[in-house]
Amino acid sequence: MAPLNRTARIKTLSTALIALGGVFLIYFVWRYVTFVVPLAFGDDGMLQRWFGYEDHATHIPLSTRLVYFIMTLLPNLAAVAAVLIGIRLMFHFRAEQYFHARTISTLRHIGLALMILAATAIFATIAINPWVTQHRPEGALPFNFHIGTYDLGYLLAGILVYIVGWVMGEALKIQQENEGFV
């Protein structure tokens, strides 16, 4: 059997990544719905144990639960967006649109989604503990400025992907300008 040509390999890999992205999205949504939603809206005991309430009789109001839910939802939505945009990029590759403006724009959008993911995750990490624990009799946990390695990785990856997309976009413009002179 002859080896696949380059285009066929790109299409095969892109198809595999589309499928993998789809499986990831299903798992990601399932995991969020089965873990975060019950934690936010289940009985008080779940959220109290998660955030270290010593007095398990303390009621956590719905408004606090809603803010917790939103703070955890935002980075998760950005992650889903990044995967969906990545799937769109794979469809561009399957269509052999390697250096088209739409492909390059999609690459920049992946970078933006990753940067938004990092920013919202960093914000949630800093703000969520004092917000959810404000009703503890022993007092709220203080703000803890912490940037996790995953969040930093998402931020740096987002910046790098965005810059690569921007440079490719500029290179495409230069190529189009040069073709106009010929």
Protein backbone atom coordinates (compact mmCIF):
# COMPACT_ATOMS: atom_id res chain seq x y z
CA MET A 1 0.00 0.00 0.00
CA ALA A 2 1.38 3.39 -0.98
CA PRO A 3 1.78 6.01 1.75
CA LEU A 4 -0.86 8.70 1.92
CA ASN A 5 -0.01 11.93 0.20
CA ARG A 6 0.33 15.07 2.28
CA THR A 7 -3.20 16.33 1.62
CA ALA A 8 -4.70 12.96 2.56
CA ARG A 9 -2.67 12.90 5.80
CA ILE A 10 -3.87 16.41 6.67
CA LYS A 11 -7.48 15.39 5.99
CA THR A 12 -7.10 12.22 8.06
CA LEU A 13 -5.55 14.06 11.00
CA SER A 14 -8.12 16.87 10.76
CA THR A 15 -10.97 14.35 10.74
CA ALA A 16 -9.53 12.61 13.79
CA LEU A 17 -9.19 15.93 15.62
CA ILE A 18 -12.77 16.89 14.72
CA ALA A 19 -13.98 13.61 16.21
CA LEU A 20 -11.77 14.02 19.28
CA GLY A 21 -13.04 17.59 19.73
CA GLY A 22 -16.63 16.35 19.53
CA VAL A 23 -16.00 13.67 22.16
CA PHE A 24 -14.28 16.25 24.36
CA LEU A 25 -17.22 18.64 24.07
CA ILE A 26 -19.68 15.94 25.07
CA TYR A 27 -17.55 14.94 28.06
CA PHE A 28 -16.90 18.56 29.02
CA VAL A 29 -20.59 19.50 29.06
CA TRP A 30 -21.52 16.25 30.83
CA ARG A 31 -18.86 16.84 33.50
CA TYR A 32 -19.99 20.42 34.07
CA VAL A 33 -23.66 19.46 34.30
CA THR A 34 -23.00 16.53 36.65
CA PHE A 35 -20.49 18.29 38.92
CA VAL A 36 -20.77 22.09 38.93
CA VAL A 37 -24.55 22.38 38.55
CA PRO A 38 -25.28 20.08 41.52
CA LEU A 39 -22.55 21.80 43.51
CA ALA A 40 -24.06 25.23 42.80
CA PHE A 41 -27.72 24.35 43.14
CA GLY A 42 -27.78 21.13 45.18
CA ASP A 43 -28.18 20.97 48.91
CA ASP A 44 -26.24 23.42 51.08
CA GLY A 45 -24.03 20.63 52.40
CA MET A 46 -22.25 20.02 49.08
CA LEU A 47 -21.17 23.62 48.63
CA GLN A 48 -20.39 24.00 52.33
CA ARG A 49 -18.10 20.97 52.33
CA TRP A 50 -16.41 22.08 49.11
CA PHE A 51 -15.61 25.51 50.57
CA GLY A 52 -14.75 24.38 54.10
CA TYR A 53 -17.70 25.66 56.12
CA GLU A 54 -17.27 24.52 59.70
CA ASP A 55 -20.91 25.25 60.55
CA HIS A 56 -22.95 23.10 58.18
CA ALA A 57 -26.20 24.75 59.31
CA THR A 58 -25.33 27.99 57.49
CA HIS A 59 -27.58 28.64 54.53
CA ILE A 60 -25.95 29.80 51.28
CA PRO A 61 -28.38 32.15 49.47
CA LEU A 62 -29.42 31.60 45.87
CA SER A 63 -27.74 34.86 44.81
CA THR A 64 -24.37 33.55 46.03
CA ARG A 65 -24.97 30.26 44.24
CA LEU A 66 -25.86 32.07 41.01
CA VAL A 67 -22.68 34.15 41.12
CA TYR A 68 -20.66 30.99 41.82
CA PHE A 69 -22.33 29.30 38.85
CA ILE A 70 -21.62 32.26 36.55
CA MET A 71 -17.99 32.54 37.72
CA THR A 72 -17.42 28.88 36.92
CA LEU A 73 -19.46 29.04 33.72
CA LEU A 74 -17.45 31.81 32.02
CA PRO A 75 -14.10 29.99 31.74
CA ASN A 76 -15.93 26.82 30.75
CA LEU A 77 -17.77 28.65 27.96
CA ALA A 78 -14.45 30.03 26.72
CA ALA A 79 -12.99 26.50 26.72
CA VAL A 80 -15.97 25.19 24.73
CA ALA A 81 -15.59 28.12 22.31
CA ALA A 82 -11.88 27.36 21.85
CA VAL A 83 -12.65 23.72 21.03
CA LEU A 84 -15.48 24.67 18.64
CA ILE A 85 -13.23 27.18 16.88
CA GLY A 86 -10.50 24.52 16.74
CA ILE A 87 -12.98 22.17 15.07
CA ARG A 88 -13.77 24.92 12.57
CA LEU A 89 -10.03 25.25 11.87
CA MET A 90 -9.86 21.51 11.17
CA PHE A 91 -12.73 21.89 8.68
CA HIS A 92 -10.71 24.61 6.91
CA PHE A 93 -7.77 22.22 6.73
CA ARG A 94 -10.01 19.45 5.38
CA ALA A 95 -11.13 21.87 2.66
CA GLU A 96 -7.45 22.49 1.83
CA GLN A 97 -7.74 26.14 2.92
CA TYR A 98 -4.36 26.35 4.60
CA PHE A 99 -3.45 29.99 4.02
CA HIS A 100 -6.84 31.58 3.37
CA ALA A 101 -7.98 34.67 5.23
CA ARG A 102 -10.79 32.71 6.93
CA THR A 103 -8.35 30.08 8.19
CA ILE A 104 -6.00 32.71 9.55
CA SER A 105 -8.89 34.55 11.19
CA THR A 106 -10.00 31.28 12.79
CA LEU A 107 -6.50 30.79 14.17
CA ARG A 108 -6.60 34.25 15.77
CA HIS A 109 -10.03 33.47 17.23
CA ILE A 110 -8.62 30.34 18.89
CA GLY A 111 -5.95 32.53 20.46
CA LEU A 112 -8.56 35.00 21.71
CA ALA A 113 -10.72 32.22 23.15
CA LEU A 114 -7.71 30.81 25.02
CA MET A 115 -6.83 34.26 26.39
CA ILE A 116 -10.45 34.77 27.52
CA LEU A 117 -10.39 31.31 29.11
CA ALA A 118 -7.26 32.24 31.05
CA ALA A 119 -8.53 35.67 32.12
CA THR A 120 -11.91 34.39 33.32
CA ALA A 121 -10.32 31.42 35.11
CA ILE A 122 -7.82 33.69 36.86
CA PHE A 123 -10.64 36.04 37.90
CA ALA A 124 -12.77 33.14 39.15
CA THR A 125 -9.86 31.68 41.11
CA ILE A 126 -9.29 35.00 42.86
CA ALA A 127 -12.91 35.97 43.50
CA ILE A 128 -14.80 32.74 44.06
CA ASN A 129 -13.57 31.79 47.56
CA PRO A 130 -14.38 35.10 49.28
CA TRP A 131 -17.71 35.30 47.48
CA VAL A 132 -18.97 31.83 48.36
CA THR A 133 -17.60 31.88 51.91
CA GLN A 134 -18.97 35.32 52.84
CA HIS A 135 -21.79 33.69 54.83
CA ARG A 136 -19.54 31.56 57.07
CA PRO A 137 -19.84 32.41 60.75
CA GLU A 138 -16.05 32.21 60.97
CA GLY A 139 -15.78 34.80 58.19
CA ALA A 140 -15.05 34.80 54.50
CA LEU A 141 -11.85 33.45 53.08
CA PRO A 142 -9.61 36.30 51.91
CA PHE A 143 -8.85 37.09 48.30
CA ASN A 144 -6.01 34.89 47.19
CA PHE A 145 -4.14 36.19 44.18
CA HIS A 146 -3.04 33.04 42.47
CA ILE A 147 -2.38 32.23 38.83
CA GLY A 148 -2.45 28.50 38.26
CA THR A 149 -0.03 26.86 35.87
CA TYR A 150 -2.90 25.75 33.64
CA ASP A 151 -4.27 29.28 33.46
CA LEU A 152 -0.83 30.67 32.69
CA GLY A 153 -0.40 27.99 30.05
CA TYR A 154 -3.73 28.91 28.43
CA LEU A 155 -2.77 32.58 28.49
CA LEU A 156 0.64 32.01 26.90
CA ALA A 157 -0.75 29.54 24.35
CA GLY A 158 -3.50 32.02 23.47
CA ILE A 159 -1.02 34.84 23.00
CA LEU A 160 1.25 32.67 20.86
CA VAL A 161 -1.57 31.32 18.69
CA TYR A 162 -2.97 34.81 18.23
CA ILE A 163 0.47 36.19 17.25
CA VAL A 164 1.02 33.34 14.77
CA GLY A 165 -2.40 34.09 13.24
CA TRP A 166 -1.65 37.81 13.12
CA VAL A 167 1.75 37.25 11.46
CA MET A 168 0.18 34.87 8.93
CA GLY A 169 -2.47 37.50 8.19
CA GLU A 170 0.19 40.15 7.63
CA ALA A 171 2.15 37.74 5.41
CA LEU A 172 -0.98 37.10 3.35
CA LYS A 173 -1.48 40.86 2.90
CA ILE A 174 2.16 41.28 1.84
CA GLN A 175 1.76 38.42 -0.64
CA GLN A 176 -1.41 39.99 -2.08
CA GLU A 177 0.33 43.39 -2.38
CA ASN A 178 3.31 41.80 -4.14
CA GLU A 179 1.05 39.94 -6.56
CA GLY A 180 -0.55 43.28 -7.44
CA PHE A 181 2.79 44.65 -8.62
CA VAL A 182 3.44 41.84 -11.08
